[in-house]
Protein backbone atom coordinates (compact mmCIF):
# COMPACT_ATOMS: atom_id res chain seq x y z
CA UNK A 1 -37.85 -26.65 -38.99
CA UNK A 2 -39.31 -26.47 -42.23
CA UNK A 3 -37.25 -24.12 -44.59
CA UNK A 4 -40.24 -22.52 -45.79
CA UNK A 5 -41.03 -20.98 -42.42
CA UNK A 6 -37.30 -20.41 -41.44
CA UNK A 7 -36.70 -18.55 -44.42
CA UNK A 8 -38.49 -16.04 -43.10
CA UNK A 9 -35.87 -15.58 -41.06
CA UNK A 10 -33.56 -14.87 -43.83
CA UNK A 11 -36.38 -12.61 -45.42
CA UNK A 12 -36.29 -10.41 -42.30
CA UNK A 13 -32.33 -10.87 -41.90
CA UNK A 14 -31.85 -7.03 -42.95
CA UNK A 15 -34.12 -5.80 -40.50
CA UNK A 16 -33.00 -8.28 -37.69
CA UNK A 17 -29.00 -7.36 -38.24
CA UNK A 18 -30.23 -3.69 -38.35
CA UNK A 19 -31.44 -4.08 -35.06
CA UNK A 20 -28.38 -6.06 -33.74
CA UNK A 21 -26.29 -3.01 -35.15
CA UNK A 22 -28.24 -1.10 -33.04
CA UNK A 23 -27.92 -2.89 -29.86
CA UNK A 24 -24.22 -3.08 -30.83
CA UNK A 25 -23.94 0.48 -31.09
CA UNK A 26 -24.65 0.85 -27.93
CA UNK A 27 -21.21 -0.79 -26.97
CA UNK A 28 -18.14 1.13 -27.64
CA UNK A 29 -15.63 -0.86 -29.63
CA UNK A 30 -12.31 -1.39 -28.04
CA UNK A 31 -8.98 -1.13 -29.85
CA UNK A 32 -6.23 -3.74 -29.30
CA UNK A 33 -6.57 -7.35 -29.31
CA UNK A 34 -5.28 -10.12 -32.03
CA UNK A 35 -8.41 -11.84 -33.60
CA UNK A 36 -7.39 -15.69 -34.03
CA UNK A 37 -9.78 -18.19 -36.33
CA UNK A 38 -9.83 -21.02 -38.29
CA UNK A 39 -9.80 -21.25 -41.97
CA UNK A 40 -10.01 -24.97 -43.88
CA UNK A 41 -7.59 -24.62 -46.45
CA UNK A 42 -4.39 -22.72 -47.81
CA UNK A 43 -4.87 -20.77 -50.68
CA UNK A 44 -3.88 -22.04 -54.11
CA UNK A 45 -2.18 -18.43 -54.66
CA UNK A 46 -2.59 -15.11 -53.61
CA UNK A 47 -4.87 -13.65 -56.26
CA UNK A 48 -8.19 -12.62 -55.76
CA UNK A 49 -9.54 -12.39 -59.05
CA UNK A 50 -8.44 -16.24 -59.60
CA UNK A 51 -10.00 -17.53 -56.41
CA UNK A 52 -12.98 -19.06 -56.26
CA UNK A 53 -12.78 -20.95 -52.85
CA UNK A 54 -14.01 -18.99 -49.22
CA UNK A 55 -11.01 -20.57 -47.80
CA UNK A 56 -8.50 -17.95 -50.04
CA UNK A 57 -11.07 -15.25 -49.36
CA UNK A 58 -10.56 -15.45 -45.53
CA UNK A 59 -6.99 -15.12 -45.74
CA UNK A 60 -7.16 -12.33 -48.48
CA UNK A 61 -10.03 -10.20 -47.95
CA UNK A 62 -8.78 -8.07 -44.73
CA UNK A 63 -5.89 -6.94 -46.77
CA UNK A 64 -7.81 -4.92 -49.96
CA UNK A 65 -10.42 -2.81 -50.68
CA UNK A 66 -13.65 -3.23 -53.10
CA UNK A 67 -15.15 -0.69 -55.30
CA UNK A 68 -18.58 -1.30 -53.34
CA UNK A 69 -19.20 -3.28 -50.21
CA UNK A 70 -22.10 -5.15 -48.12
CA UNK A 71 -22.77 -3.10 -45.66
CA UNK A 72 -21.73 -4.45 -42.20
CA UNK A 73 -24.58 -4.90 -39.70
CA UNK A 74 -27.07 -4.22 -42.49
CA UNK A 75 -26.93 -7.41 -44.90
CA UNK A 76 -27.66 -7.04 -48.04
CA UNK A 77 -27.44 -3.78 -48.49
CA UNK A 78 -24.81 -2.25 -50.21
CA UNK A 79 -22.38 0.69 -49.88
CA UNK A 80 -19.83 2.63 -51.24
CA UNK A 81 -15.77 1.17 -50.07
CA UNK A 82 -13.53 2.94 -52.61
CA UNK A 83 -16.19 4.77 -53.96
CA UNK A 84 -18.32 7.50 -51.68
CA UNK A 85 -20.65 7.79 -54.47
CA UNK A 86 -22.07 6.17 -57.81
CA UNK A 87 -24.61 7.32 -60.43
CA UNK A 88 -26.58 4.65 -62.34
CA UNK A 89 -27.85 5.66 -65.63
CA UNK A 90 -29.97 3.18 -67.52
CA UNK A 91 -30.74 5.56 -70.57
CA UNK A 92 -26.80 6.00 -71.32
CA UNK A 93 -26.05 2.45 -69.71
CA UNK A 94 -23.41 3.77 -67.54
CA UNK A 95 -22.44 3.56 -64.00
CA UNK A 96 -20.30 6.10 -62.80
CA UNK A 97 -18.16 5.80 -59.64
CA UNK A 98 -16.92 8.85 -57.86
CA UNK A 99 -13.79 7.53 -55.56
CA UNK A 100 -12.72 8.70 -52.16
CA UNK A 101 -9.18 10.68 -51.89
CA UNK A 102 -6.70 9.95 -49.96
CA UNK A 103 -6.77 6.52 -49.91
CA UNK A 104 -3.35 4.62 -49.71
CA UNK A 105 -1.95 1.06 -50.67
CA UNK A 106 -0.09 -0.38 -48.23
CA UNK A 107 3.15 0.45 -49.86
CA UNK A 108 2.15 4.46 -49.64
CA UNK A 109 1.16 5.26 -53.15
CA UNK A 110 -2.24 6.86 -53.74
CA UNK A 111 -5.08 5.10 -54.80
CA UNK A 112 -7.14 6.66 -57.72
CA UNK A 113 -9.20 5.81 -60.89
CA UNK A 114 -6.40 4.12 -62.82
CA UNK A 115 -6.45 1.28 -60.02
CA UNK A 116 -10.06 0.76 -60.25
CA UNK A 117 -9.98 0.76 -64.28
CA UNK A 118 -6.77 -1.46 -64.33
CA UNK A 119 -8.33 -3.74 -61.84
CA UNK A 120 -11.73 -3.89 -63.78
CA UNK A 121 -9.97 -4.59 -67.01
CA UNK A 122 -8.10 -7.71 -65.66
CA UNK A 123 -11.18 -8.93 -64.66
CA UNK A 124 -13.39 -8.61 -67.03
CA UNK A 125 -10.69 -8.60 -69.93
CA UNK A 126 -7.75 -10.70 -68.12
CA UNK A 127 -4.27 -10.59 -70.13
CA UNK A 128 -2.86 -14.11 -71.42
CA UNK A 129 -1.95 -16.29 -68.67
CA UNK A 130 -3.93 -14.38 -66.05
CA UNK A 131 -7.20 -16.36 -64.57
CA UNK A 132 -10.52 -14.21 -63.77
CA UNK A 133 -13.01 -16.42 -62.31
CA UNK A 134 -15.35 -13.37 -62.46
CA UNK A 135 -15.37 -13.24 -66.23
CA UNK A 136 -19.03 -14.04 -66.44
CA UNK A 137 -19.87 -11.82 -63.82
CA UNK A 138 -18.57 -8.78 -66.00
CA UNK A 139 -19.64 -9.94 -69.20
CA UNK A 140 -21.97 -6.87 -69.47
CA UNK A 141 -18.99 -4.65 -69.41
CA UNK A 142 -18.35 -2.88 -72.87
CA UNK A 143 -15.77 -0.08 -71.76
CA UNK A 144 -14.04 1.13 -68.75
CA UNK A 145 -12.98 5.14 -68.68
CA UNK A 146 -11.21 7.23 -66.46
CA UNK A 147 -12.79 10.54 -65.94
CA UNK A 148 -10.50 12.15 -63.69
CA UNK A 149 -8.32 11.29 -60.84
CA UNK A 150 -11.07 10.16 -58.91
CA UNK A 151 -13.63 9.28 -61.26
CA UNK A 152 -14.59 5.94 -63.16
CA UNK A 153 -17.12 5.13 -65.62
CA UNK A 154 -18.39 2.20 -66.67
CA UNK A 155 -20.29 1.34 -69.76
CA UNK A 156 -22.34 -1.82 -70.09
CA UNK A 157 -23.41 -3.12 -73.04
CA UNK A 158 -27.36 -3.84 -71.79
CA UNK A 159 -29.26 -2.88 -68.62
CA UNK A 160 -28.76 -5.64 -66.03
CA UNK A 161 -29.60 -4.68 -62.61
CA UNK A 162 -27.63 -7.82 -60.86
CA UNK A 163 -24.32 -5.75 -62.02
CA UNK A 164 -24.37 -3.27 -59.15
CA UNK A 165 -24.58 -5.95 -56.61
CA UNK A 166 -21.38 -7.76 -58.45
CA UNK A 167 -19.02 -4.72 -58.06
CA UNK A 168 -19.52 -5.57 -54.47
CA UNK A 169 -18.20 -8.55 -54.58
CA UNK A 170 -15.11 -8.93 -52.06
CA UNK A 171 -13.08 -10.95 -54.81
CA UNK A 172 -12.89 -7.75 -56.56
CA UNK A 173 -9.88 -6.70 -54.74
CA UNK A 174 -8.39 -3.28 -56.23
CA UNK A 175 -4.91 -3.99 -57.03
CA UNK A 176 -2.13 -1.26 -58.11
CA UNK A 177 -2.09 -0.44 -61.66
CA UNK A 178 1.40 0.48 -61.36
CA UNK A 179 2.50 -3.00 -60.42
CA UNK A 180 0.31 -4.67 -62.47
CA UNK A 181 1.85 -2.86 -65.15
CA UNK A 182 5.18 -4.38 -64.27
CA UNK A 183 3.74 -7.58 -63.84
CA UNK A 184 0.24 -8.65 -64.09
CA UNK A 185 0.63 -11.89 -62.31
CA UNK A 186 2.05 -9.83 -59.13
CA UNK A 187 -1.09 -10.90 -57.24
CA UNK A 188 -0.27 -14.60 -57.35
CA UNK A 189 2.65 -14.12 -55.46
CA UNK A 190 2.44 -10.48 -53.58
CA UNK A 191 -0.11 -9.17 -51.35
CA UNK A 192 -0.36 -5.64 -51.26
CA UNK A 193 -4.12 -3.79 -51.24
CA UNK A 194 -5.31 -0.88 -49.36
CA UNK A 195 -7.40 -2.84 -46.91
CA UNK A 196 -7.70 -2.64 -43.09
CA UNK A 197 -4.75 -4.99 -42.59
CA UNK A 198 -1.09 -5.64 -44.04
CA UNK A 199 0.03 -9.12 -44.73
CA UNK A 200 2.94 -10.44 -42.03
CA UNK A 201 3.81 -13.75 -42.83
CA UNK A 202 2.45 -17.24 -44.15
CA UNK A 203 3.24 -20.74 -43.13
CA UNK A 204 1.59 -23.09 -45.36
CA UNK A 205 -0.45 -25.71 -43.44
CA UNK A 206 -0.41 -23.50 -40.36
CA UNK A 207 -0.67 -19.87 -39.80
CA UNK A 208 -1.57 -16.65 -42.16
CA UNK A 209 -0.46 -13.29 -39.87
CA UNK A 210 -1.22 -9.78 -40.56
CA UNK A 211 -1.13 -6.42 -38.67
CA UNK A 212 -3.29 -3.41 -38.57
CA UNK A 213 -3.01 -0.88 -41.41
CA UNK A 214 -2.41 2.33 -39.44
CA UNK A 215 -3.18 4.39 -42.80
CA UNK A 216 -6.81 2.61 -43.48
CA UNK A 217 -9.09 5.34 -45.07
CA UNK A 218 -11.80 4.37 -42.14
CA UNK A 219 -11.54 6.55 -39.23
CA UNK A 220 -10.72 4.75 -35.80
CA UNK A 221 -10.77 1.26 -38.12
CA UNK A 222 -9.36 -1.13 -37.75
CA UNK A 223 -10.11 -2.24 -34.39
CA UNK A 224 -8.10 -4.99 -33.79
CA UNK A 225 -4.09 -4.79 -33.77
CA UNK A 226 -3.94 -8.00 -35.90
CA UNK A 227 -5.18 -10.99 -37.29
CA UNK A 228 -3.85 -14.80 -37.31
CA UNK A 229 -5.86 -17.59 -39.20
CA UNK A 230 -4.97 -21.03 -38.68
CA UNK A 231 -4.97 -23.92 -41.03
CA UNK A 232 -7.40 -26.69 -39.18
CA UNK A 233 -11.27 -28.03 -39.81
CA UNK A 234 -13.23 -30.67 -38.54
CA UNK A 235 -13.54 -31.35 -34.71
CA UNK A 236 -10.45 -29.50 -34.21
CA UNK A 237 -11.97 -26.45 -34.75
CA UNK A 238 -14.55 -27.14 -32.05
CA UNK A 239 -11.95 -28.34 -29.71
CA UNK A 240 -9.88 -25.23 -30.51
CA UNK A 241 -12.68 -22.70 -29.64
CA UNK A 242 -13.41 -24.70 -26.40
CA UNK A 243 -9.80 -24.38 -25.13
CA UNK A 244 -9.45 -20.77 -25.84
CA UNK A 245 -6.99 -21.09 -28.87
CA UNK A 246 -9.15 -19.44 -31.27
CA UNK A 247 -12.10 -17.02 -31.07
CA UNK A 248 -14.13 -18.95 -34.26
CA UNK A 249 -14.64 -20.38 -37.62
CA UNK A 250 -16.39 -17.94 -39.72
CA UNK A 251 -17.61 -20.76 -42.11
CA UNK A 252 -19.02 -22.52 -39.18
CA UNK A 253 -19.29 -25.42 -37.18
CA UNK A 254 -21.38 -28.70 -36.95
CA UNK A 255 -24.46 -28.92 -34.99
CA UNK A 256 -23.00 -31.35 -32.64
CA UNK A 257 -19.73 -28.82 -32.34
CA UNK A 258 -22.22 -25.99 -31.75
CA UNK A 259 -23.97 -27.98 -29.22
CA UNK A 260 -21.03 -29.25 -27.39
CA UNK A 261 -19.69 -25.77 -27.15
CA UNK A 262 -22.50 -24.32 -25.63
CA UNK A 263 -22.83 -26.97 -23.34
CA UNK A 264 -19.00 -26.62 -21.76
CA UNK A 265 -19.02 -22.71 -22.39
CA UNK A 266 -22.52 -21.47 -21.84
CA UNK A 267 -22.40 -17.55 -21.87
CA UNK A 268 -18.88 -17.53 -23.04
CA UNK A 269 -19.88 -18.74 -26.44
CA UNK A 270 -22.34 -17.26 -28.97
CA UNK A 271 -23.84 -19.05 -31.65
CA UNK A 272 -25.85 -17.68 -34.54
CA UNK A 273 -27.32 -19.53 -37.39
CA UNK A 274 -29.47 -20.05 -40.47
CA UNK A 275 -29.89 -20.78 -43.75
CA UNK A 276 -26.77 -20.96 -45.54
CA UNK A 277 -26.33 -19.74 -49.30
CA UNK A 278 -24.29 -23.17 -50.03
CA UNK A 279 -25.34 -26.48 -51.56
CA UNK A 280 -24.10 -29.27 -52.62
CA UNK A 281 -24.25 -30.78 -56.03
CA UNK A 282 -22.59 -33.63 -58.47
CA UNK A 283 -21.74 -32.99 -61.96
CA UNK A 284 -21.14 -35.81 -64.69
CA UNK A 285 -18.70 -35.27 -67.39
CA UNK A 286 -20.79 -35.03 -70.85
CA UNK A 287 -17.43 -34.88 -72.32
CA UNK A 288 -16.63 -38.81 -71.24
CA UNK A 289 -18.96 -42.05 -71.70
CA UNK A 290 -21.21 -43.32 -70.63
CA UNK A 291 -22.39 -39.84 -68.86
CA UNK A 292 -22.37 -38.17 -72.52
CA UNK A 293 -25.46 -40.23 -72.70
CA UNK A 294 -28.30 -38.01 -71.38
CA UNK A 295 -30.22 -41.18 -69.95
CA UNK A 296 -27.41 -42.27 -67.78
CA UNK A 297 -26.91 -38.89 -66.22
CA UNK A 298 -30.74 -38.64 -65.65
CA UNK A 299 -31.19 -42.37 -63.86
CA UNK A 300 -28.40 -41.13 -61.41
CA UNK A 301 -30.29 -37.90 -60.51
CA UNK A 302 -33.86 -39.65 -60.30
CA UNK A 303 -32.01 -42.31 -57.68
CA UNK A 304 -31.33 -39.74 -55.34
CA UNK A 305 -33.97 -39.13 -52.46
CA UNK A 306 -33.13 -35.78 -51.58
CA UNK A 307 -36.23 -35.44 -49.48
CA UNK A 308 -35.54 -38.24 -47.45
CA UNK A 309 -31.93 -38.09 -47.14
CA UNK A 310 -32.21 -34.86 -45.51
CA UNK A 311 -33.91 -35.97 -42.50
CA UNK A 312 -31.25 -38.24 -41.42
CA UNK A 313 -28.52 -36.12 -42.76
CA UNK A 314 -30.03 -32.91 -41.04
CA UNK A 315 -30.08 -34.68 -38.00
CA UNK A 316 -26.00 -35.00 -37.48
CA UNK A 317 -24.58 -32.63 -40.23
CA UNK A 318 -25.39 -29.09 -41.56
CA UNK A 319 -26.92 -30.54 -44.53
CA UNK A 320 -30.56 -29.70 -43.84
CA UNK A 321 -32.76 -28.80 -46.74
CA UNK A 322 -33.71 -30.52 -50.13
CA UNK A 323 -33.71 -28.10 -53.34
CA UNK A 324 -32.58 -26.99 -56.57
CA UNK A 325 -30.39 -24.25 -57.77
CA UNK A 326 -31.86 -21.52 -55.87
CA UNK A 327 -32.27 -20.99 -52.08
CA UNK A 328 -35.38 -23.58 -50.60
CA UNK A 329 -37.77 -21.29 -49.26
CA UNK A 330 -36.11 -18.14 -50.68
CA UNK A 331 -37.48 -15.21 -53.27
CA UNK A 332 -36.53 -17.01 -56.27
CA UNK A 333 -36.92 -20.78 -55.78
CA UNK A 334 -39.87 -22.93 -57.06
CA UNK A 335 -42.37 -24.13 -54.43
CA UNK A 336 -42.23 -27.61 -53.03
CA UNK A 337 -45.19 -28.52 -55.29
CA UNK A 338 -43.55 -27.09 -58.58
CA UNK A 339 -39.80 -28.43 -57.72
CA UNK A 340 -41.49 -32.34 -57.28
CA UNK A 341 -42.63 -32.20 -60.93
CA UNK A 342 -39.58 -31.86 -61.83
CA UNK A 343 -36.77 -34.58 -62.65
CA UNK A 344 -35.20 -35.87 -59.55
CA UNK A 345 -37.21 -34.08 -56.98
CA UNK A 346 -40.21 -36.27 -57.02
CA UNK A 347 -41.15 -37.52 -53.47
CA UNK A 348 -42.16 -41.54 -54.68
CA UNK A 349 -38.67 -42.38 -54.72
CA UNK A 350 -39.64 -46.12 -55.32
CA UNK A 351 -41.06 -45.12 -58.49
CA UNK A 352 -38.41 -42.78 -59.59
CA UNK A 353 -35.53 -45.77 -58.78
CA UNK A 354 -37.40 -47.99 -61.23
CA UNK A 355 -37.70 -45.30 -64.10
CA UNK A 356 -33.48 -44.97 -63.50
CA UNK A 357 -33.40 -48.48 -63.64
CA UNK A 358 -35.04 -48.28 -66.89
CA UNK A 359 -32.87 -45.78 -68.31
CA UNK A 360 -30.00 -47.64 -67.24
CA UNK A 361 -30.98 -50.75 -68.90
CA UNK A 362 -32.14 -48.76 -72.32
CA UNK A 363 -28.60 -47.33 -72.30
CA UNK A 364 -27.10 -50.67 -71.85
CA UNK A 365 -25.44 -49.56 -68.84
CA UNK A 366 -27.22 -52.01 -66.08
CA UNK A 367 -23.82 -52.64 -64.62
CA UNK A 368 -22.44 -49.04 -64.46
CA UNK A 369 -19.55 -48.68 -62.40
CA UNK A 370 -17.53 -45.25 -61.90
CA UNK A 371 -15.27 -43.32 -59.48
CA UNK A 372 -16.90 -40.25 -57.72
CA UNK A 373 -14.13 -37.31 -57.15
CA UNK A 374 -14.80 -36.01 -53.95
CA UNK A 375 -12.68 -33.26 -51.91
CA UNK A 376 -11.14 -34.05 -48.64
CA UNK A 377 -12.28 -30.76 -47.43
CA UNK A 378 -15.06 -30.34 -44.31
CA UNK A 379 -16.12 -33.65 -43.16
CA UNK A 380 -19.12 -33.17 -44.36
CA UNK A 381 -18.63 -33.42 -47.92
CA UNK A 382 -17.23 -36.72 -47.74
CA UNK A 383 -20.51 -37.64 -45.83
CA UNK A 384 -22.07 -36.17 -48.91
CA UNK A 385 -19.83 -38.50 -51.38
CA UNK A 386 -20.85 -41.63 -49.20
CA UNK A 387 -24.34 -40.63 -49.30
CA UNK A 388 -24.44 -40.03 -53.11
CA UNK A 389 -23.03 -43.76 -53.35
CA UNK A 390 -25.43 -45.58 -51.50
CA UNK A 391 -28.12 -43.75 -53.18
CA UNK A 392 -26.96 -45.47 -56.63
CA UNK A 393 -26.19 -48.57 -55.14
CA UNK A 394 -29.95 -48.93 -54.27
CA UNK A 395 -30.29 -48.96 -58.57
CA UNK A 396 -27.35 -51.35 -58.84
CA UNK A 397 -24.91 -48.81 -59.79
CA UNK A 398 -21.21 -49.40 -58.08
CA UNK A 399 -20.23 -45.90 -57.76
CA UNK A 400 -16.49 -45.56 -55.81
CA UNK A 401 -15.32 -42.46 -53.39
CA UNK A 402 -11.92 -41.38 -54.56
CA UNK A 403 -11.22 -38.68 -51.90
CA UNK A 404 -8.65 -36.52 -52.75
CA UNK A 405 -7.24 -33.15 -51.39
CA UNK A 406 -7.89 -29.78 -52.63
CA UNK A 407 -5.44 -29.25 -55.43
CA UNK A 408 -5.78 -32.26 -57.13
CA UNK A 409 -9.87 -31.78 -56.78
CA UNK A 410 -9.70 -28.28 -57.99
CA UNK A 411 -7.67 -29.39 -61.17
CA UNK A 412 -10.29 -32.15 -61.65
CA UNK A 413 -12.61 -29.63 -62.04
CA UNK A 414 -10.71 -27.19 -63.80
CA UNK A 415 -9.47 -29.65 -66.70
CA UNK A 416 -12.39 -32.28 -66.50
CA UNK A 417 -10.15 -35.11 -65.50
CA UNK A 418 -12.81 -36.60 -63.77
CA UNK A 419 -15.90 -39.22 -64.50
CA UNK A 420 -18.18 -37.41 -61.70
CA UNK A 421 -17.31 -35.08 -58.84
CA UNK A 422 -18.71 -33.71 -55.79
CA UNK A 423 -18.87 -29.65 -56.19
CA UNK A 424 -20.01 -27.17 -53.75
CA UNK A 425 -21.54 -23.94 -54.73
CA UNK A 426 -21.56 -20.75 -52.24
CA UNK A 427 -23.16 -17.55 -53.43
CA UNK A 428 -23.05 -13.88 -52.48
CA UNK A 429 -26.51 -13.35 -52.45
CA UNK A 430 -30.08 -14.57 -53.72
CA UNK A 431 -29.43 -13.43 -57.14
CA UNK A 432 -30.14 -15.79 -60.08
CA UNK A 433 -28.06 -14.03 -62.59
CA UNK A 434 -25.03 -15.07 -60.38
CA UNK A 435 -26.37 -18.36 -59.11
CA UNK A 436 -27.11 -19.89 -62.40
CA UNK A 437 -23.53 -19.37 -63.79
CA UNK A 438 -22.72 -22.71 -61.80
CA UNK A 439 -25.19 -24.49 -64.35
CA UNK A 440 -24.39 -22.96 -67.60
CA UNK A 441 -22.17 -24.14 -70.92
CA UNK A 442 -18.62 -24.56 -69.29
CA UNK A 443 -17.32 -22.40 -72.52
CA UNK A 444 -19.56 -19.51 -71.06
CA UNK A 445 -18.68 -19.65 -67.56
CA UNK A 446 -15.58 -20.37 -65.36
CA UNK A 447 -17.92 -21.70 -62.47
CA UNK A 448 -19.41 -24.33 -64.13
CA UNK A 449 -17.39 -27.44 -63.46
CA UNK A 450 -19.73 -29.12 -66.14
CA UNK A 451 -18.34 -30.45 -69.46
CA UNK A 452 -21.39 -29.56 -71.55
CA UNK A 453 -22.63 -27.23 -74.45
CA UNK A 454 -26.27 -26.39 -73.99
CA UNK A 455 -26.98 -23.02 -75.56
CA UNK A 456 -30.56 -23.39 -74.58
CA UNK A 457 -29.49 -22.97 -71.01
CA UNK A 458 -27.32 -20.35 -71.83
CA UNK A 459 -30.17 -18.49 -73.73
CA UNK A 460 -32.54 -18.52 -70.63
CA UNK A 461 -29.83 -17.46 -68.65
CA UNK A 462 -29.25 -14.41 -70.86
CA UNK A 463 -32.90 -13.54 -70.87
CA UNK A 464 -33.81 -13.95 -67.20
CA UNK A 465 -30.85 -11.48 -66.60
CA UNK A 466 -32.54 -8.77 -68.62
CA UNK A 467 -35.79 -9.52 -67.97
CA UNK A 468 -37.42 -6.49 -65.99
CA UNK A 469 -41.17 -7.95 -65.49
CA UNK A 470 -40.76 -10.41 -61.95
CA UNK A 471 -43.46 -12.85 -63.27
CA UNK A 472 -42.12 -13.42 -66.56
CA UNK A 473 -38.49 -13.82 -65.07
CA UNK A 474 -39.50 -16.68 -62.81
CA UNK A 475 -41.22 -18.37 -65.82
CA UNK A 476 -37.70 -18.05 -67.42
CA UNK A 477 -36.11 -19.36 -64.10
CA UNK A 478 -38.17 -22.28 -64.10
CA UNK A 479 -37.86 -23.18 -67.67
CA UNK A 480 -34.15 -23.33 -66.99
CA UNK A 481 -34.33 -25.38 -64.04
CA UNK A 482 -36.51 -28.12 -65.59
CA UNK A 483 -34.13 -28.35 -68.93
CA UNK A 484 -31.17 -28.46 -66.47
CA UNK A 485 -32.69 -31.20 -64.32
CA UNK A 486 -33.91 -33.13 -67.35
CA UNK A 487 -30.40 -33.02 -69.02
CA UNK A 488 -28.80 -33.47 -65.61
CA UNK A 489 -25.15 -32.31 -66.32
CA UNK A 490 -24.70 -30.99 -62.81
CA UNK A 491 -27.81 -31.39 -60.24
CA UNK A 492 -28.07 -29.91 -56.73
CA UNK A 493 -28.83 -31.90 -53.85
CA UNK A 494 -28.83 -30.85 -50.53
CA UNK A 495 -28.56 -26.91 -49.06
CA UNK A 496 -27.07 -26.38 -45.56
CA UNK A 497 -27.47 -24.63 -42.48
CA UNK A 498 -24.79 -22.00 -41.32
CA UNK A 499 -23.83 -22.52 -37.81
CA UNK A 500 -21.07 -20.02 -36.69
CA UNK A 501 -20.16 -20.33 -32.87
CA UNK A 502 -17.71 -17.49 -31.58
CA UNK A 503 -16.08 -16.69 -28.33
CA UNK A 504 -18.69 -14.27 -26.99
CA UNK A 505 -15.68 -11.28 -26.29
CA UNK A 506 -16.01 -11.36 -30.46
CA UNK A 507 -18.14 -8.35 -31.61
CA UNK A 508 -18.76 -6.16 -34.96
CA UNK A 509 -18.98 -9.07 -37.10
CA UNK A 510 -22.05 -9.58 -39.13
CA UNK A 511 -23.78 -12.81 -39.35
CA UNK A 512 -25.04 -13.64 -43.10
CA UNK A 513 -26.15 -16.32 -45.20
CA UNK A 514 -22.96 -16.33 -47.10
CA UNK A 515 -19.38 -17.74 -46.71
CA UNK A 516 -18.09 -15.17 -48.40
CA UNK A 517 -18.93 -11.87 -46.79
CA UNK A 518 -17.54 -9.35 -43.92
CA UNK A 519 -14.21 -11.08 -44.14
CA UNK A 520 -11.88 -8.05 -44.07
CA UNK A 521 -12.64 -7.85 -40.36
CA UNK A 522 -12.59 -3.90 -40.52
CA UNK A 523 -15.38 -3.47 -37.74
CA UNK A 524 -14.61 -6.60 -35.63
CA UNK A 525 -13.10 -6.29 -32.18
CA UNK A 526 -12.70 -7.68 -29.16
CA UNK A 527 -14.33 -7.29 -25.65
CA UNK A 528 -11.61 -8.84 -24.25
C-alpha cells in the first residue's frame, strides 16, 4: 500500500487506539500471570540516561517512573506520571510540575521534588564520567527550582514547544537523589526506581526477571505478577511465540514470521501493524579520507536506488518505505515530488549513477574501496548492509560488509572508529526537533553518529524549533533536508513497517509507531 494512503492510519491512530481502549475497557483486567517476551540484546549497563537503544529500555522501563508519559490507549496524548498536574507559562518561560504525594521508591523511601530535580540536573548537566544521551533534548533548560517537597519548576531559555513532549520520554527515568549523591554512577549497576515492577535477576544473554511492586502508586496496577524477558532475535522469536514459550516481541516480527504465526495459530495470535518511526541510514566518517570529500559522500548517496529498492525489500522484510529524515507521508515530510528533487531521491537512477561516477572520477576515487560497519542485530540490519554494498557495486565501488556485535558497533559510533557505518534511528514521536538531532553536528548532539561540523545545519535546526508559524517552519525543514542530502554526511534510506505479533491472551498494551513506548507494562494483563 502506498505510504501516503497508509499514513492516514497513523494520522488517525490516536482515535483508533482510543476506540480500542474503549472496547478493551469492557474487559475487566485480570490480576496474575507472568508476561514473557523477547528482547534482541542485553543492555550495555542499567543507566536509562545513557541508553539509546530500545533493547535497554525494554528491560529498564518497567522499573522506573517518569515525570510525564504517553497515555496508554491514547497515543500520542501525554499525561502525568509522577506529575499530577502542570502549568506552562510562556511569559515567564517556565514549566511548573505538581507531583503526586505518597509515591515510593522500591527501597521504601519517599519520592519527592528533590529526586526529580536531581534526575533532570543529571540529564541536562551530567557530572564528569556520566553519559547523558538527552543533552540536546534538554538544551533549553536554564534552571531547575524546588518550590516545595512536591513542586518543581523548570526555567527554559527560549519557548520551544517540543520540550513538554520531551518530558514524557521513557528514557528520563527518575532516580533517587540520595543514591545519586552517594554515587552519581549508581544507575549503571543498580536498578532501583518507583515503577510497577521490582528488579529480581539478570542472566546475561539469557533472561531478565522482575516482580510486581506492591507499593506502586497507580491503584490496582500492575496486573501481572511478574515479567520475564528473554534474549533472542530473528526466526527464534516467531518459533518461541508459536511454541507458547513467549507471548510476544514488542519490537516486532518479520512479514514472513507474522504470516506463519497467523497460519499456524489462527485466532490464538493477534497481529497489529503500521508505519514505524524507525528508519535505516548510512553515515560516512567525514573526518577520514576519502569521506572528508563531499563529492565522494554525495556519489555514494546518489547511487542508492531507494524507490526501486523498497519494492524488493518490502516483499520479504519490514523495510517498506523510501523516505527522508521525516516519516514518509507524515505531517512534517516533504511530498514525494519535492523529495525527488533532492540529492539521492531522484527517480532516474541511471542518470544519478552516471553523476555518481563523474563525481568519483573528479575526486580521484574511481576505484574506491572501503569497509561498511554493520551491527549483527536483527537480520534485516545485515540485509540492509548487503543492499547498500550491492547498490555501490553498480558504480564500481567495492564496499565490504564488516558485521560486528552490538558493543563494538556502538563503540565505533561513539569514538568514530569506522569508515562508513549502518545506523538505525527510532523516534518517540513525530517531532522534528527530536528527529533532526540524528543529523546535526556531532559536537551538538550525542545522537549524531556523523563526525562532522556544519553550523548551517545546526542553525536551521535551532530556528525551526522556535518557529511558531507552521508554513515558515516547513520551509526551514526543507532547507535543512536539501543541505543535508547535498552534503551527505548521514543519509536516510528506508523506513520500516512495525508488525507486532502477540499471543491473543495479552491485553492492555498499546500498539504505536515507536519502539520506545508503553514498555513499563503497567497496564498490560493476561487473559489466561
